[in-house]
PDB file of N, CA and C in Angstrom:
ATOM      1  N   MET A   1      38.044 172.122 181.493  1.00  0.00           N
ATOM      2  CA  MET A   1      37.037 171.929 180.214  1.00  0.00           C
ATOM      3  C   MET A   1      37.359 170.386 180.153  1.00  0.00           C
ATOM      4  N   SER A   2      35.738 169.725 179.926  1.00  0.00           N
ATOM      5  CA  SER A   2      35.546 168.126 179.519  1.00  0.00           C
ATOM      6  C   SER A   2      36.434 167.887 178.525  1.00  0.00           C
ATOM      7  N   GLY A   3      36.312 166.375 178.728  1.00  0.00           N
ATOM      8  CA  GLY A   3      37.088 165.689 177.546  1.00  0.00           C
ATOM      9  C   GLY A   3      36.094 165.751 176.136  1.00  0.00           C
ATOM     10  N   TRP A   4      34.664 165.731 176.558  1.00  0.00           N
ATOM     11  CA  TRP A   4      33.908 166.074 175.236  1.00  0.00           C
ATOM     12  C   TRP A   4      34.119 167.077 174.505  1.00  0.00           C
ATOM     13  N   LYS A   5      34.200 168.381 175.254  1.00  0.00           N
ATOM     14  CA  LYS A   5      34.124 169.849 174.350  1.00  0.00           C
ATOM     15  C   LYS A   5      35.639 169.631 174.044  1.00  0.00           C
ATOM     16  N   LYS A   6      36.329 169.104 174.432  1.00  0.00           N
ATOM     17  CA  LYS A   6      37.940 169.528 173.717  1.00  0.00           C
ATOM     18  C   LYS A   6      37.668 168.539 171.992  1.00  0.00           C
ATOM     19  N   THR A   7      36.866 167.557 172.188  1.00  0.00           N
ATOM     20  CA  THR A   7      37.051 166.724 171.180  1.00  0.00           C
ATOM     21  C   THR A   7      36.172 167.702 170.258  1.00  0.00           C
ATOM     22  N   LEU A   8      35.158 168.557 170.941  1.00  0.00           N
ATOM     23  CA  LEU A   8      34.494 169.175 169.884  1.00  0.00           C
ATOM     24  C   LEU A   8      34.902 170.458 169.478  1.00  0.00           C
ATOM     25  N   GLY A   9      36.343 170.691 169.928  1.00  0.00           N
ATOM     26  CA  GLY A   9      36.453 171.990 169.556  1.00  0.00           C
ATOM     27  C   GLY A   9      37.713 171.491 168.205  1.00  0.00           C
ATOM     28  N   ARG A  10      37.815 169.870 168.759  1.00  0.00           N
ATOM     29  CA  ARG A  10      38.886 169.696 167.560  1.00  0.00           C
ATOM     30  C   ARG A  10      38.048 169.434 166.381  1.00  0.00           C
ATOM     31  N   VAL A  11      36.458 169.111 166.444  1.00  0.00           N
ATOM     32  CA  VAL A  11      35.722 168.511 165.587  1.00  0.00           C
ATOM     33  C   VAL A  11      35.494 169.847 164.579  1.00  0.00           C
ATOM     34  N   LEU A  12      35.484 171.368 165.141  1.00  0.00           N
ATOM     35  CA  LEU A  12      35.070 172.408 164.622  1.00  0.00           C
ATOM     36  C   LEU A  12      36.315 173.002 163.732  1.00  0.00           C
ATOM     37  N   ARG A  13      37.603 172.647 164.788  1.00  0.00           N
ATOM     38  CA  ARG A  13      38.316 173.505 163.891  1.00  0.00           C
ATOM     39  C   ARG A  13      38.728 172.830 162.572  1.00  0.00           C
ATOM     40  N   GLY A  14      38.284 171.686 162.113  1.00  0.00           N
ATOM     41  CA  GLY A  14      38.827 170.764 161.082  1.00  0.00           C
ATOM     42  C   GLY A  14      40.159 170.472 160.603  1.00  0.00           C
ATOM     43  N   THR A  15      41.213 170.527 161.494  1.00  0.00           N
ATOM     44  CA  THR A  15      42.463 170.453 161.276  1.00  0.00           C
ATOM     45  C   THR A  15      42.938 169.168 161.694  1.00  0.00           C
ATOM     46  N   ALA A  16      42.209 168.301 161.910  1.00  0.00           N
ATOM     47  CA  ALA A  16      42.464 166.707 162.420  1.00  0.00           C
ATOM     48  C   ALA A  16      41.531 165.652 162.218  1.00  0.00           C
ATOM     49  N   ASP A  17      40.741 166.049 161.138  1.00  0.00           N
ATOM     50  CA  ASP A  17      39.873 164.921 160.770  1.00  0.00           C
ATOM     51  C   ASP A  17      40.364 163.622 160.672  1.00  0.00           C
ATOM     52  N   ALA A  18      41.570 163.342 160.514  1.00  0.00           N
ATOM     53  CA  ALA A  18      41.944 162.178 160.258  1.00  0.00           C
ATOM     54  C   ALA A  18      42.292 161.384 161.547  1.00  0.00           C
ATOM     55  N   ASN A  19      42.760 161.955 162.448  1.00  0.00           N
ATOM     56  CA  ASN A  19      43.154 162.348 163.789  1.00  0.00           C
ATOM     57  C   ASN A  19      42.459 162.098 164.955  1.00  0.00           C
ATOM     58  N   LEU A  20      40.940 161.750 164.306  1.00  0.00           N
ATOM     59  CA  LEU A  20      40.045 161.685 165.721  1.00  0.00           C
ATOM     60  C   LEU A  20      39.687 160.378 165.861  1.00  0.00           C
ATOM     61  N   ARG A  21      39.636 160.349 167.343  1.00  0.00           N
ATOM     62  CA  ARG A  21      39.114 158.817 167.812  1.00  0.00           C
ATOM     63  C   ARG A  21      37.688 158.869 167.507  1.00  0.00           C
ATOM     64  N   PHE A  22      37.617 157.401 166.802  1.00  0.00           N
ATOM     65  CA  PHE A  22      35.941 157.271 166.755  1.00  0.00           C
ATOM     66  C   PHE A  22      35.023 157.217 167.828  1.00  0.00           C
ATOM     67  N   ASP A  23      35.120 156.744 168.777  1.00  0.00           N
ATOM     68  CA  ASP A  23      34.413 156.799 169.943  1.00  0.00           C
ATOM     69  C   ASP A  23      34.428 158.031 170.925  1.00  0.00           C
ATOM     70  N   GLU A  24      35.527 158.783 170.709  1.00  0.00           N
ATOM     71  CA  GLU A  24      35.376 160.589 170.982  1.00  0.00           C
ATOM     72  C   GLU A  24      34.125 161.131 170.018  1.00  0.00           C
ATOM     73  N   VAL A  25      34.483 160.955 168.733  1.00  0.00           N
ATOM     74  CA  VAL A  25      33.334 161.618 168.252  1.00  0.00           C
ATOM     75  C   VAL A  25      32.021 161.409 168.452  1.00  0.00           C
ATOM     76  N   CYS A  26      31.642 159.829 168.440  1.00  0.00           N
ATOM     77  CA  CYS A  26      30.189 159.264 169.397  1.00  0.00           C
ATOM     78  C   CYS A  26      30.212 159.801 170.488  1.00  0.00           C
ATOM     79  N   SER A  27      30.720 159.999 171.702  1.00  0.00           N
ATOM     80  CA  SER A  27      30.426 160.955 172.317  1.00  0.00           C
ATOM     81  C   SER A  27      30.322 162.232 172.453  1.00  0.00           C
ATOM     82  N   VAL A  28      30.769 163.004 171.512  1.00  0.00           N
ATOM     83  CA  VAL A  28      30.228 164.289 171.500  1.00  0.00           C
ATOM     84  C   VAL A  28      28.967 164.506 170.782  1.00  0.00           C
ATOM     85  N   LEU A  29      28.582 163.467 169.972  1.00  0.00           N
ATOM     86  CA  LEU A  29      27.216 163.705 169.255  1.00  0.00           C
ATOM     87  C   LEU A  29      26.232 163.073 170.710  1.00  0.00           C
ATOM     88  N   LYS A  30      26.534 162.222 171.034  1.00  0.00           N
ATOM     89  CA  LYS A  30      25.604 161.859 172.285  1.00  0.00           C
ATOM     90  C   LYS A  30      25.140 163.336 173.514  1.00  0.00           C
ATOM     91  N   CYS A  31      26.686 164.014 173.394  1.00  0.00           N
ATOM     92  CA  CYS A  31      26.176 165.255 174.433  1.00  0.00           C
ATOM     93  C   CYS A  31      25.810 166.142 173.986  1.00  0.00           C
ATOM     94  N   LEU A  32      25.809 166.052 172.204  1.00  0.00           N
ATOM     95  CA  LEU A  32      24.985 167.023 172.004  1.00  0.00           C
ATOM     96  C   LEU A  32      23.530 166.757 171.544  1.00  0.00           C
ATOM     97  N   GLY A  33      22.788 165.275 172.255  1.00  0.00           N
ATOM     98  CA  GLY A  33      21.473 165.560 171.993  1.00  0.00           C
ATOM     99  C   GLY A  33      21.021 163.759 171.158  1.00  0.00           C
ATOM    100  N   PHE A  34      21.812 163.543 170.405  1.00  0.00           N
ATOM    101  CA  PHE A  34      21.952 162.570 169.330  1.00  0.00           C
ATOM    102  C   PHE A  34      21.368 161.565 170.041  1.00  0.00           C
ATOM    103  N   SER A  35      20.651 160.577 169.215  1.00  0.00           N
ATOM    104  CA  SER A  35      20.472 159.243 169.817  1.00  0.00           C
ATOM    105  C   SER A  35      21.257 158.485 168.966  1.00  0.00           C
ATOM    106  N   GLU A  36      21.677 157.179 169.404  1.00  0.00           N
ATOM    107  CA  GLU A  36      22.524 156.496 168.708  1.00  0.00           C
ATOM    108  C   GLU A  36      21.709 155.087 168.593  1.00  0.00           C
ATOM    109  N   ARG A  37      22.133 154.410 167.310  1.00  0.00           N
ATOM    110  CA  ARG A  37      21.152 153.443 167.153  1.00  0.00           C
ATOM    111  C   ARG A  37      22.663 152.530 166.278  1.00  0.00           C
ATOM    112  N   ILE A  38      22.886 151.184 166.536  1.00  0.00           N
ATOM    113  CA  ILE A  38      23.940 150.449 166.262  1.00  0.00           C
ATOM    114  C   ILE A  38      23.506 149.435 165.007  1.00  0.00           C
ATOM    115  N   LYS A  39      23.881 149.176 163.979  1.00  0.00           N
ATOM    116  CA  LYS A  39      23.522 148.342 162.957  1.00  0.00           C
ATOM    117  C   LYS A  39      24.495 147.636 162.455  1.00  0.00           C
ATOM    118  N   GLY A  40      24.970 146.807 162.912  1.00  0.00           N
ATOM    119  CA  GLY A  40      26.379 145.934 162.541  1.00  0.00           C
ATOM    120  C   GLY A  40      27.475 146.955 162.958  1.00  0.00           C
ATOM    121  N   ASP A  41      28.265 147.373 162.388  1.00  0.00           N
ATOM    122  CA  ASP A  41      29.314 148.449 162.548  1.00  0.00           C
ATOM    123  C   ASP A  41      29.188 149.917 161.945  1.00  0.00           C
ATOM    124  N   LEU A  42      27.783 149.804 161.830  1.00  0.00           N
ATOM    125  CA  LEU A  42      27.437 150.962 161.483  1.00  0.00           C
ATOM    126  C   LEU A  42      26.795 152.042 162.688  1.00  0.00           C
ATOM    127  N   HIS A  43      26.993 153.162 162.963  1.00  0.00           N
ATOM    128  CA  HIS A  43      26.598 153.714 163.949  1.00  0.00           C
ATOM    129  C   HIS A  43      26.265 154.550 163.659  1.00  0.00           C
ATOM    130  N   ILE A  44      24.327 155.057 163.718  1.00  0.00           N
ATOM    131  CA  ILE A  44      23.442 155.921 163.136  1.00  0.00           C
ATOM    132  C   ILE A  44      22.800 156.739 164.413  1.00  0.00           C
ATOM    133  N   PHE A  45      23.182 157.981 164.041  1.00  0.00           N
ATOM    134  CA  PHE A  45      22.927 159.316 165.195  1.00  0.00           C
ATOM    135  C   PHE A  45      21.576 160.230 164.710  1.00  0.00           C
ATOM    136  N   THR A  46      20.331 160.291 165.215  1.00  0.00           N
ATOM    137  CA  THR A  46      19.357 161.056 164.793  1.00  0.00           C
ATOM    138  C   THR A  46      19.342 161.928 166.104  1.00  0.00           C
ATOM    139  N   ARG A  47      18.459 162.937 165.532  1.00  0.00           N
ATOM    140  CA  ARG A  47      18.110 164.020 166.845  1.00  0.00           C
ATOM    141  C   ARG A  47      16.859 164.884 166.498  1.00  0.00           C
ATOM    142  N   ASP A  48      16.382 165.064 167.111  1.00  0.00           N
ATOM    143  CA  ASP A  48      14.852 165.977 167.049  1.00  0.00           C
ATOM    144  C   ASP A  48      15.561 167.669 166.208  1.00  0.00           C
ATOM    145  N   GLY A  49      14.940 167.956 165.386  1.00  0.00           N
ATOM    146  CA  GLY A  49      14.952 168.943 164.648  1.00  0.00           C
ATOM    147  C   GLY A  49      16.348 169.041 164.020  1.00  0.00           C
ATOM    148  N   VAL A  50      16.800 168.239 163.351  1.00  0.00           N
ATOM    149  CA  VAL A  50      18.299 168.099 162.518  1.00  0.00           C
ATOM    150  C   VAL A  50      17.382 167.300 161.599  1.00  0.00           C
ATOM    151  N   GLU A  51      17.436 167.371 160.403  1.00  0.00           N
ATOM    152  CA  GLU A  51      17.633 166.774 159.100  1.00  0.00           C
ATOM    153  C   GLU A  51      17.926 165.656 158.746  1.00  0.00           C
ATOM    154  N   GLU A  52      19.368 165.601 158.915  1.00  0.00           N
ATOM    155  CA  GLU A  52      20.175 164.985 158.317  1.00  0.00           C
ATOM    156  C   GLU A  52      20.396 163.709 159.277  1.00  0.00           C
ATOM    157  N   ILE A  53      20.672 162.311 158.930  1.00  0.00           N
ATOM    158  CA  ILE A  53      21.091 161.547 159.542  1.00  0.00           C
ATOM    159  C   ILE A  53      22.720 161.232 159.450  1.00  0.00           C
ATOM    160  N   LEU A  54      23.221 160.965 160.570  1.00  0.00           N
ATOM    161  CA  LEU A  54      25.065 160.812 160.309  1.00  0.00           C
ATOM    162  C   LEU A  54      25.119 159.472 160.910  1.00  0.00           C
ATOM    163  N   ASN A  55      25.998 158.628 159.835  1.00  0.00           N
ATOM    164  CA  ASN A  55      26.075 157.396 160.052  1.00  0.00           C
ATOM    165  C   ASN A  55      27.916 157.655 159.867  1.00  0.00           C
ATOM    166  N   LEU A  56      28.215 156.791 160.961  1.00  0.00           N
ATOM    167  CA  LEU A  56      29.585 156.643 161.243  1.00  0.00           C
ATOM    168  C   LEU A  56      30.034 154.897 161.468  1.00  0.00           C
ATOM    169  N   GLN A  57      30.879 154.978 160.673  1.00  0.00           N
ATOM    170  CA  GLN A  57      32.132 153.522 160.976  1.00  0.00           C
ATOM    171  C   GLN A  57      33.182 154.074 161.710  1.00  0.00           C
ATOM    172  N   SER A  58      34.081 153.161 162.022  1.00  0.00           N
ATOM    173  CA  SER A  58      35.274 153.265 162.422  1.00  0.00           C
ATOM    174  C   SER A  58      36.457 152.698 161.560  1.00  0.00           C
ATOM    175  N   ARG A  59      37.340 153.098 161.635  1.00  0.00           N
ATOM    176  CA  ARG A  59      38.241 152.623 161.195  1.00  0.00           C
ATOM    177  C   ARG A  59      39.720 152.487 161.456  1.00  0.00           C
ATOM    178  N   ASP A  60      40.262 151.462 162.205  1.00  0.00           N
ATOM    179  CA  ASP A  60      41.258 151.000 163.094  1.00  0.00           C
ATOM    180  C   ASP A  60      40.905 151.846 164.241  1.00  0.00           C
ATOM    181  N   GLY A  61      39.262 152.227 164.812  1.00  0.00           N
ATOM    182  CA  GLY A  61      39.682 152.944 166.199  1.00  0.00           C
ATOM    183  C   GLY A  61      39.715 154.618 165.768  1.00  0.00           C
ATOM    184  N   ASN A  62      39.753 155.128 164.427  1.00  0.00           N
ATOM    185  CA  ASN A  62      39.278 156.319 164.179  1.00  0.00           C
ATOM    186  C   ASN A  62      37.951 156.609 163.525  1.00  0.00           C
ATOM    187  N   ALA A  63      37.499 157.716 163.500  1.00  0.00           N
ATOM    188  CA  ALA A  63      36.427 158.091 162.745  1.00  0.00           C
ATOM    189  C   ALA A  63      37.115 158.359 161.238  1.00  0.00           C
ATOM    190  N   LYS A  64      36.158 158.080 160.368  1.00  0.00           N
ATOM    191  CA  LYS A  64      36.766 158.503 158.724  1.00  0.00           C
ATOM    192  C   LYS A  64      36.263 159.859 158.963  1.00  0.00           C
ATOM    193  N   PRO A  65      37.731 160.617 157.991  1.00  0.00           N
ATOM    194  CA  PRO A  65      37.636 161.879 157.812  1.00  0.00           C
ATOM    195  C   PRO A  65      36.519 162.684 157.060  1.00  0.00           C
ATOM    196  N   TYR A  66      36.111 161.815 156.280  1.00  0.00           N
ATOM    197  CA  TYR A  66      34.781 162.423 155.666  1.00  0.00           C
ATOM    198  C   TYR A  66      33.630 162.373 156.415  1.00  0.00           C
ATOM    199  N   GLN A  67      33.444 161.472 157.344  1.00  0.00           N
ATOM    200  CA  GLN A  67      32.385 161.779 158.349  1.00  0.00           C
ATOM    201  C   GLN A  67      32.548 162.249 159.166  1.00  0.00           C
ATOM    202  N   VAL A  68      33.509 162.784 160.224  1.00  0.00           N
ATOM    203  CA  VAL A  68      33.979 164.082 160.827  1.00  0.00           C
ATOM    204  C   VAL A  68      33.610 165.063 160.359  1.00  0.00           C
ATOM    205  N   LYS A  69      33.878 165.439 158.497  1.00  0.00           N
ATOM    206  CA  LYS A  69      33.340 166.714 158.191  1.00  0.00           C
ATOM    207  C   LYS A  69      31.858 167.058 158.155  1.00  0.00           C
ATOM    208  N   GLN A  70      31.292 165.476 157.742  1.00  0.00           N
ATOM    209  CA  GLN A  70      29.771 165.863 157.779  1.00  0.00           C
ATOM    210  C   GLN A  70      29.619 166.076 159.655  1.00  0.00           C
ATOM    211  N   VAL A  71      29.679 165.230 160.457  1.00  0.00           N
ATOM    212  CA  VAL A  71      29.685 165.965 162.041  1.00  0.00           C
ATOM    213  C   VAL A  71      29.560 167.278 162.348  1.00  0.00           C
ATOM    214  N   ARG A  72      30.784 167.711 161.359  1.00  0.00           N
ATOM    215  CA  ARG A  72      31.165 169.790 161.348  1.00  0.00           C
ATOM    216  C   ARG A  72      29.881 170.190 161.045  1.00  0.00           C
ATOM    217  N   ASP A  73      30.159 170.126 159.647  1.00  0.00           N
ATOM    218  CA  ASP A  73      28.840 170.803 159.038  1.00  0.00           C
ATOM    219  C   ASP A  73      27.267 170.578 159.636  1.00  0.00           C
ATOM    220  N   VAL A  74      27.125 169.544 160.425  1.00  0.00           N
ATOM    221  CA  VAL A  74      25.953 169.423 161.067  1.00  0.00           C
ATOM    222  C   VAL A  74      25.606 170.178 162.298  1.00  0.00           C
ATOM    223  N   ILE A  75      27.234 170.377 163.095  1.00  0.00           N
ATOM    224  CA  ILE A  75      27.364 171.030 164.324  1.00  0.00           C
ATOM    225  C   ILE A  75      26.790 172.654 164.131  1.00  0.00           C
ATOM    226  N   VAL A  76      27.405 172.855 162.662  1.00  0.00           N
ATOM    227  CA  VAL A  76      27.839 174.385 162.153  1.00  0.00           C
ATOM    228  C   VAL A  76      26.150 174.769 162.037  1.00  0.00           C
ATOM    229  N   ARG A  77      25.789 173.928 160.867  1.00  0.00           N
ATOM    230  CA  ARG A  77      24.395 174.791 160.204  1.00  0.00           C
ATOM    231  C   ARG A  77      23.101 174.399 161.364  1.00  0.00           C
ATOM    232  N   TYR A  78      23.429 173.642 162.168  1.00  0.00           N
ATOM    233  CA  TYR A  78      22.122 173.366 163.313  1.00  0.00           C
ATOM    234  C   TYR A  78      22.885 174.498 164.842  1.00  0.00           C
ATOM    235  N   ARG A  79      23.795 175.156 164.968  1.00  0.00           N
ATOM    236  CA  ARG A  79      24.262 176.089 166.195  1.00  0.00           C
ATOM    237  C   ARG A  79      24.331 175.014 167.247  1.00  0.00           C
ATOM    238  N   LEU A  80      24.677 173.856 167.318  1.00  0.00           N
ATOM    239  CA  LEU A  80      24.599 172.556 168.185  1.00  0.00           C
ATOM    240  C   LEU A  80      25.607 172.910 169.102  1.00  0.00           C
ATOM    241  N   ALA A  81      26.667 174.160 169.198  1.00  0.00           N
ATOM    242  CA  ALA A  81      27.874 174.114 169.715  1.00  0.00           C
ATOM    243  C   ALA A  81      27.578 174.909 170.957  1.00  0.00           C
ATOM    244  N   GLY A  82      26.940 175.331 170.821  1.00  0.00           N
ATOM    245  CA  GLY A  82      26.472 175.781 172.074  1.00  0.00           C
ATOM    246  C   GLY A  82      27.479 177.011 172.342  1.00  0.00           C
ATOM    247  N   ASP A  83      27.741 177.341 173.649  1.00  0.00           N
ATOM    248  CA  ASP A  83      28.589 178.259 174.204  1.00  0.00           C
ATOM    249  C   ASP A  83      29.905 177.874 173.773  1.00  0.00           C
ATOM    250  N   THR A  84      30.350 177.139 173.049  1.00  0.00           N
ATOM    251  CA  THR A  84      31.459 176.941 172.215  1.00  0.00           C
ATOM    252  C   THR A  84      31.999 177.694 170.925  1.00  0.00           C
ATOM    253  N   ASP A  85      30.750 178.512 170.683  1.00  0.00           N
ATOM    254  CA  ASP A  85      30.902 179.106 169.144  1.00  0.00           C
ATOM    255  C   ASP A  85      32.537 179.979 169.032  1.00  0.00           C
ATOM    256  N   ASP A  86      32.823 180.061 170.109  1.00  0.00           N
ATOM    257  CA  ASP A  86      34.236 180.793 169.977  1.00  0.00           C
ATOM    258  C   ASP A  86      35.303 179.814 169.332  1.00  0.00           C
ATOM    259  N   GLU A  87      35.383 178.704 169.356  1.00  0.00           N
ATOM    260  CA  GLU A  87      35.955 177.845 168.951  1.00  0.00           C
ATOM    261  C   GLU A  87      35.681 177.233 167.491  1.00  0.00           C
ATOM    262  N   GLN A  88      34.608 177.990 166.776  1.00  0.00           N
ATOM    263  CA  GLN A  88      34.545 177.392 165.498  1.00  0.00           C
ATOM    264  C   GLN A  88      35.342 178.009 164.414  1.00  0.00           C
ATOM    265  N   PRO A  89      35.737 177.570 163.731  1.00  0.00           N
ATOM    266  CA  PRO A  89      36.731 178.032 162.172  1.00  0.00           C
ATOM    267  C   PRO A  89      35.435 179.658 161.628  1.00  0.00           C
ATOM    268  N   SER A  90      36.575 180.536 161.206  1.00  0.00           N
ATOM    269  CA  SER A  90      35.689 181.601 161.056  1.00  0.00           C
ATOM    270  C   SER A  90      35.595 181.526 159.329  1.00  0.00           C
ATOM    271  N   LEU A  91      34.714 181.867 158.933  1.00  0.00           N
ATOM    272  CA  LEU A  91      34.244 181.479 157.452  1.00  0.00           C
ATOM    273  C   LEU A  91      34.513 182.458 156.317  1.00  0.00           C
TER     274      LEU A  91
END
């Protein structure tokens, strides 16, 4: 399994939101087809077919937990995980 898929699984499980590296979360979004725009220390992610705009900032190299939750919500809402659906937490 590739590194970004492992990180995707960690994002979807939601058990380590405070311990995810910022660059890994950005990598997951890029691999899922999001475009990245950087304005200062703000990384802005957009994707065709996704209404939400994801704004991410690093805190000491880690992603902010509430932003990881927003990323997870978008991935689940738009079913962007593809063949990793079995890694999603049960609702």
